[in-house]
PDB file of N, CA and C in Angstrom:
ATOM      1  N   UNK A   1      68.711  71.845-220.291  1.00  0.00           N
ATOM      2  CA  UNK A   1      67.728  72.709-219.671  1.00  0.00           C
ATOM      3  C   UNK A   1      66.636  73.025-220.687  1.00  0.00           C
ATOM      4  N   UNK A   2      65.338  72.873-220.307  1.00  0.00           N
ATOM      5  CA  UNK A   2      64.249  73.156-221.234  1.00  0.00           C
ATOM      6  C   UNK A   2      64.161  74.642-221.556  1.00  0.00           C
ATOM      7  N   UNK A   3      63.653  74.925-222.722  1.00  0.00           N
ATOM      8  CA  UNK A   3      63.469  76.318-223.148  1.00  0.00           C
ATOM      9  C   UNK A   3      62.384  76.989-222.320  1.00  0.00           C
ATOM     10  N   UNK A   4      62.544  78.278-222.070  1.00  0.00           N
ATOM     11  CA  UNK A   4      61.522  79.059-221.353  1.00  0.00           C
ATOM     12  C   UNK A   4      60.396  79.367-222.327  1.00  0.00           C
ATOM     13  N   UNK A   5      59.171  79.196-221.871  1.00  0.00           N
ATOM     14  CA  UNK A   5      58.010  79.464-222.710  1.00  0.00           C
ATOM     15  C   UNK A   5      57.269  80.678-222.174  1.00  0.00           C
ATOM     16  N   UNK A   6      56.750  81.484-223.064  1.00  0.00           N
ATOM     17  CA  UNK A   6      55.987  82.668-222.680  1.00  0.00           C
ATOM     18  C   UNK A   6      54.511  82.347-222.815  1.00  0.00           C
ATOM     19  N   UNK A   7      53.751  82.635-221.764  1.00  0.00           N
ATOM     20  CA  UNK A   7      52.309  82.409-221.784  1.00  0.00           C
ATOM     21  C   UNK A   7      51.611  83.760-221.874  1.00  0.00           C
ATOM     22  N   UNK A   8      50.856  83.971-222.913  1.00  0.00           N
ATOM     23  CA  UNK A   8      50.119  85.223-223.080  1.00  0.00           C
ATOM     24  C   UNK A   8      48.822  85.131-222.285  1.00  0.00           C
ATOM     25  N   UNK A   9      48.852  85.633-221.062  1.00  0.00           N
ATOM     26  CA  UNK A   9      47.702  85.556-220.169  1.00  0.00           C
ATOM     27  C   UNK A   9      46.607  86.558-220.536  1.00  0.00           C
ATOM     28  N   UNK A  10      46.872  87.457-221.475  1.00  0.00           N
ATOM     29  CA  UNK A  10      45.875  88.451-221.868  1.00  0.00           C
ATOM     30  C   UNK A  10      44.720  87.823-222.640  1.00  0.00           C
ATOM     31  N   UNK A  11      44.915  86.609-223.141  1.00  0.00           N
ATOM     32  CA  UNK A  11      43.854  85.951-223.907  1.00  0.00           C
ATOM     33  C   UNK A  11      42.883  85.154-223.029  1.00  0.00           C
ATOM     34  N   UNK A  12      43.161  85.080-221.731  1.00  0.00           N
ATOM     35  CA  UNK A  12      42.276  84.373-220.809  1.00  0.00           C
ATOM     36  C   UNK A  12      41.115  85.289-220.450  1.00  0.00           C
ATOM     37  N   UNK A  13      39.882  84.797-220.491  1.00  0.00           N
ATOM     38  CA  UNK A  13      38.709  85.640-220.238  1.00  0.00           C
ATOM     39  C   UNK A  13      38.789  86.432-218.929  1.00  0.00           C
ATOM     40  N   UNK A  14      38.260  87.639-218.968  1.00  0.00           N
ATOM     41  CA  UNK A  14      38.297  88.549-217.834  1.00  0.00           C
ATOM     42  C   UNK A  14      37.577  88.012-216.600  1.00  0.00           C
ATOM     43  N   UNK A  15      36.662  87.070-216.780  1.00  0.00           N
ATOM     44  CA  UNK A  15      35.919  86.544-215.633  1.00  0.00           C
ATOM     45  C   UNK A  15      36.822  85.826-214.626  1.00  0.00           C
ATOM     46  N   UNK A  16      38.050  85.488-215.027  1.00  0.00           N
ATOM     47  CA  UNK A  16      38.980  84.795-214.136  1.00  0.00           C
ATOM     48  C   UNK A  16      39.919  85.740-213.382  1.00  0.00           C
ATOM     49  N   UNK A  17      39.812  87.042-213.592  1.00  0.00           N
ATOM     50  CA  UNK A  17      40.702  88.009-212.933  1.00  0.00           C
ATOM     51  C   UNK A  17      40.690  87.812-211.423  1.00  0.00           C
ATOM     52  N   UNK A  18      41.879  87.762-210.843  1.00  0.00           N
ATOM     53  CA  UNK A  18      42.017  87.638-209.402  1.00  0.00           C
ATOM     54  C   UNK A  18      41.785  86.237-208.852  1.00  0.00           C
ATOM     55  N   UNK A  19      41.544  85.264-209.715  1.00  0.00           N
ATOM     56  CA  UNK A  19      41.302  83.887-209.275  1.00  0.00           C
ATOM     57  C   UNK A  19      42.524  83.011-209.557  1.00  0.00           C
ATOM     58  N   UNK A  20      42.570  81.884-208.877  1.00  0.00           N
ATOM     59  CA  UNK A  20      43.539  80.850-209.202  1.00  0.00           C
ATOM     60  C   UNK A  20      42.972  80.057-210.368  1.00  0.00           C
ATOM     61  N   UNK A  21      43.814  79.752-211.343  1.00  0.00           N
ATOM     62  CA  UNK A  21      43.356  79.005-212.512  1.00  0.00           C
ATOM     63  C   UNK A  21      44.306  77.841-212.788  1.00  0.00           C
ATOM     64  N   UNK A  22      43.745  76.808-213.369  1.00  0.00           N
ATOM     65  CA  UNK A  22      44.522  75.678-213.879  1.00  0.00           C
ATOM     66  C   UNK A  22      44.482  75.804-215.392  1.00  0.00           C
ATOM     67  N   UNK A  23      45.658  75.868-216.009  1.00  0.00           N
ATOM     68  CA  UNK A  23      45.716  76.002-217.462  1.00  0.00           C
ATOM     69  C   UNK A  23      46.515  74.855-218.056  1.00  0.00           C
ATOM     70  N   UNK A  24      46.153  74.483-219.268  1.00  0.00           N
ATOM     71  CA  UNK A  24      46.907  73.450-219.979  1.00  0.00           C
ATOM     72  C   UNK A  24      48.144  74.089-220.603  1.00  0.00           C
ATOM     73  N   UNK A  25      49.163  73.266-220.780  1.00  0.00           N
ATOM     74  CA  UNK A  25      50.361  73.760-221.461  1.00  0.00           C
ATOM     75  C   UNK A  25      50.535  72.974-222.749  1.00  0.00           C
ATOM     76  N   UNK A  26      50.944  73.570-223.813  1.00  0.00           N
ATOM     77  CA  UNK A  26      51.372  74.955-223.951  1.00  0.00           C
ATOM     78  C   UNK A  26      50.283  75.919-224.420  1.00  0.00           C
ATOM     79  N   UNK A  27      49.052  75.482-224.583  1.00  0.00           N
ATOM     80  CA  UNK A  27      48.036  76.340-225.211  1.00  0.00           C
ATOM     81  C   UNK A  27      47.274  77.271-224.258  1.00  0.00           C
ATOM     82  N   UNK A  28      47.543  77.241-222.977  1.00  0.00           N
ATOM     83  CA  UNK A  28      46.941  78.102-221.942  1.00  0.00           C
ATOM     84  C   UNK A  28      45.403  78.116-221.951  1.00  0.00           C
ATOM     85  N   UNK A  29      44.807  76.944-222.114  1.00  0.00           N
ATOM     86  CA  UNK A  29      43.355  76.819-222.018  1.00  0.00           C
ATOM     87  C   UNK A  29      42.989  76.632-220.543  1.00  0.00           C
ATOM     88  N   UNK A  30      42.033  77.413-220.049  1.00  0.00           N
ATOM     89  CA  UNK A  30      41.613  77.291-218.656  1.00  0.00           C
ATOM     90  C   UNK A  30      40.771  76.029-218.492  1.00  0.00           C
ATOM     91  N   UNK A  31      41.193  75.160-217.564  1.00  0.00           N
ATOM     92  CA  UNK A  31      40.481  73.903-217.325  1.00  0.00           C
ATOM     93  C   UNK A  31      39.956  73.806-215.895  1.00  0.00           C
ATOM     94  N   UNK A  32      40.217  74.837-215.092  1.00  0.00           N
ATOM     95  CA  UNK A  32      39.724  74.880-213.717  1.00  0.00           C
ATOM     96  C   UNK A  32      40.016  76.236-213.112  1.00  0.00           C
ATOM     97  N   UNK A  33      39.199  76.641-212.145  1.00  0.00           N
ATOM     98  CA  UNK A  33      39.435  77.917-211.466  1.00  0.00           C
ATOM     99  C   UNK A  33      38.836  77.857-210.071  1.00  0.00           C
ATOM    100  N   UNK A  34      39.255  78.803-209.239  1.00  0.00           N
ATOM    101  CA  UNK A  34      38.723  78.864-207.889  1.00  0.00           C
ATOM    102  C   UNK A  34      39.385  79.952-207.072  1.00  0.00           C
ATOM    103  N   UNK A  35      38.957  80.064-205.818  1.00  0.00           N
ATOM    104  CA  UNK A  35      39.513  81.067-204.914  1.00  0.00           C
ATOM    105  C   UNK A  35      40.841  80.628-204.320  1.00  0.00           C
ATOM    106  N   UNK A  36      41.192  79.358-204.492  1.00  0.00           N
ATOM    107  CA  UNK A  36      42.450  78.832-203.971  1.00  0.00           C
ATOM    108  C   UNK A  36      43.071  77.894-205.015  1.00  0.00           C
ATOM    109  N   UNK A  37      44.372  77.636-204.878  1.00  0.00           N
ATOM    110  CA  UNK A  37      45.001  76.681-205.793  1.00  0.00           C
ATOM    111  C   UNK A  37      44.354  75.296-205.698  1.00  0.00           C
ATOM    112  N   UNK A  38      43.949  74.907-204.495  1.00  0.00           N
ATOM    113  CA  UNK A  38      43.316  73.601-204.296  1.00  0.00           C
ATOM    114  C   UNK A  38      42.004  73.497-205.083  1.00  0.00           C
ATOM    115  N   UNK A  39      41.199  74.560-205.081  1.00  0.00           N
ATOM    116  CA  UNK A  39      39.942  74.558-205.854  1.00  0.00           C
ATOM    117  C   UNK A  39      40.219  74.446-207.349  1.00  0.00           C
ATOM    118  N   UNK A  40      41.198  75.206-207.836  1.00  0.00           N
ATOM    119  CA  UNK A  40      41.526  75.163-209.265  1.00  0.00           C
ATOM    120  C   UNK A  40      42.031  73.785-209.668  1.00  0.00           C
ATOM    121  N   UNK A  41      42.888  73.198-208.843  1.00  0.00           N
ATOM    122  CA  UNK A  41      43.416  71.867-209.123  1.00  0.00           C
ATOM    123  C   UNK A  41      42.307  70.824-209.089  1.00  0.00           C
ATOM    124  N   UNK A  42      41.394  70.935-208.125  1.00  0.00           N
ATOM    125  CA  UNK A  42      40.269  70.008-208.038  1.00  0.00           C
ATOM    126  C   UNK A  42      39.375  70.058-209.263  1.00  0.00           C
ATOM    127  N   UNK A  43      39.170  71.264-209.797  1.00  0.00           N
ATOM    128  CA  UNK A  43      38.330  71.417-210.992  1.00  0.00           C
ATOM    129  C   UNK A  43      38.998  70.828-212.234  1.00  0.00           C
ATOM    130  N   UNK A  44      40.324  70.726-212.205  1.00  0.00           N
ATOM    131  CA  UNK A  44      41.063  70.206-213.358  1.00  0.00           C
ATOM    132  C   UNK A  44      41.470  68.752-213.177  1.00  0.00           C
ATOM    133  N   UNK A  45      40.901  68.074-212.220  1.00  0.00           N
ATOM    134  CA  UNK A  45      41.276  66.700-211.892  1.00  0.00           C
ATOM    135  C   UNK A  45      41.258  65.796-213.131  1.00  0.00           C
ATOM    136  N   UNK A  46      42.349  65.070-213.300  1.00  0.00           N
ATOM    137  CA  UNK A  46      42.438  64.117-214.399  1.00  0.00           C
ATOM    138  C   UNK A  46      42.955  64.686-215.711  1.00  0.00           C
ATOM    139  N   UNK A  47      43.172  65.982-215.769  1.00  0.00           N
ATOM    140  CA  UNK A  47      43.673  66.585-217.005  1.00  0.00           C
ATOM    141  C   UNK A  47      45.198  66.684-216.907  1.00  0.00           C
ATOM    142  N   UNK A  48      45.918  66.112-217.878  1.00  0.00           N
ATOM    143  CA  UNK A  48      47.387  66.129-217.815  1.00  0.00           C
ATOM    144  C   UNK A  48      47.979  67.479-218.238  1.00  0.00           C
ATOM    145  N   UNK A  49      49.223  67.682-217.855  1.00  0.00           N
ATOM    146  CA  UNK A  49      50.011  68.847-218.273  1.00  0.00           C
ATOM    147  C   UNK A  49      49.350  70.181-217.937  1.00  0.00           C
ATOM    148  N   UNK A  50      49.081  70.395-216.651  1.00  0.00           N
ATOM    149  CA  UNK A  50      48.493  71.666-216.249  1.00  0.00           C
ATOM    150  C   UNK A  50      49.449  72.456-215.358  1.00  0.00           C
ATOM    151  N   UNK A  51      49.216  73.739-215.332  1.00  0.00           N
ATOM    152  CA  UNK A  51      49.947  74.669-214.485  1.00  0.00           C
ATOM    153  C   UNK A  51      48.914  75.420-213.665  1.00  0.00           C
ATOM    154  N   UNK A  52      49.197  75.581-212.358  1.00  0.00           N
ATOM    155  CA  UNK A  52      48.314  76.338-211.479  1.00  0.00           C
ATOM    156  C   UNK A  52      48.959  77.702-211.253  1.00  0.00           C
ATOM    157  N   UNK A  53      48.200  78.759-211.455  1.00  0.00           N
ATOM    158  CA  UNK A  53      48.707  80.112-211.258  1.00  0.00           C
ATOM    159  C   UNK A  53      47.556  81.031-210.878  1.00  0.00           C
ATOM    160  N   UNK A  54      47.886  82.157-210.324  1.00  0.00           N
ATOM    161  CA  UNK A  54      46.863  83.149-209.997  1.00  0.00           C
ATOM    162  C   UNK A  54      46.852  84.180-211.114  1.00  0.00           C
ATOM    163  N   UNK A  55      45.689  84.428-211.665  1.00  0.00           N
ATOM    164  CA  UNK A  55      45.554  85.410-212.729  1.00  0.00           C
ATOM    165  C   UNK A  55      45.465  86.798-212.103  1.00  0.00           C
ATOM    166  N   UNK A  56      46.376  87.680-212.438  1.00  0.00           N
ATOM    167  CA  UNK A  56      46.366  89.012-211.834  1.00  0.00           C
ATOM    168  C   UNK A  56      45.178  89.848-212.297  1.00  0.00           C
ATOM    169  N   UNK A  57      44.932  90.924-211.583  1.00  0.00           N
ATOM    170  CA  UNK A  57      43.837  91.831-211.928  1.00  0.00           C
ATOM    171  C   UNK A  57      44.109  92.539-213.269  1.00  0.00           C
ATOM    172  N   UNK A  58      45.376  92.878-213.514  1.00  0.00           N
ATOM    173  CA  UNK A  58      45.755  93.576-214.745  1.00  0.00           C
ATOM    174  C   UNK A  58      46.473  92.612-215.672  1.00  0.00           C
ATOM    175  N   UNK A  59      46.307  92.744-217.010  1.00  0.00           N
ATOM    176  CA  UNK A  59      46.987  91.860-217.958  1.00  0.00           C
ATOM    177  C   UNK A  59      48.509  91.934-217.812  1.00  0.00           C
ATOM    178  N   UNK A  60      49.154  90.775-217.949  1.00  0.00           N
ATOM    179  CA  UNK A  60      50.610  90.693-217.847  1.00  0.00           C
ATOM    180  C   UNK A  60      51.087  89.447-218.565  1.00  0.00           C
ATOM    181  N   UNK A  61      52.386  89.218-218.592  1.00  0.00           N
ATOM    182  CA  UNK A  61      52.966  88.017-219.192  1.00  0.00           C
ATOM    183  C   UNK A  61      53.723  87.255-218.126  1.00  0.00           C
ATOM    184  N   UNK A  62      53.718  85.935-218.227  1.00  0.00           N
ATOM    185  CA  UNK A  62      54.434  85.042-217.313  1.00  0.00           C
ATOM    186  C   UNK A  62      55.432  84.219-218.082  1.00  0.00           C
ATOM    187  N   UNK A  63      56.502  83.839-217.424  1.00  0.00           N
ATOM    188  CA  UNK A  63      57.449  82.862-217.977  1.00  0.00           C
ATOM    189  C   UNK A  63      57.343  81.623-217.135  1.00  0.00           C
ATOM    190  N   UNK A  64      57.200  80.462-217.763  1.00  0.00           N
ATOM    191  CA  UNK A  64      57.178  79.191-217.018  1.00  0.00           C
ATOM    192  C   UNK A  64      57.784  78.096-217.823  1.00  0.00           C
TER     193      UNK A  64
END
């Protein structure tokens, strides 16, 4: 079983609050965003090793 990784979402710019984002793993660089997961995925087309998630309004931590 792979180890659980912690993503510090507090370092993602505030302009993405409340949006769906595509981030690279493991460095959590935003490579796409949008109002839906489909928009975020489309913006990140062709980039390997991404995770799609919704960035909450308030800072928090995720496990993935």
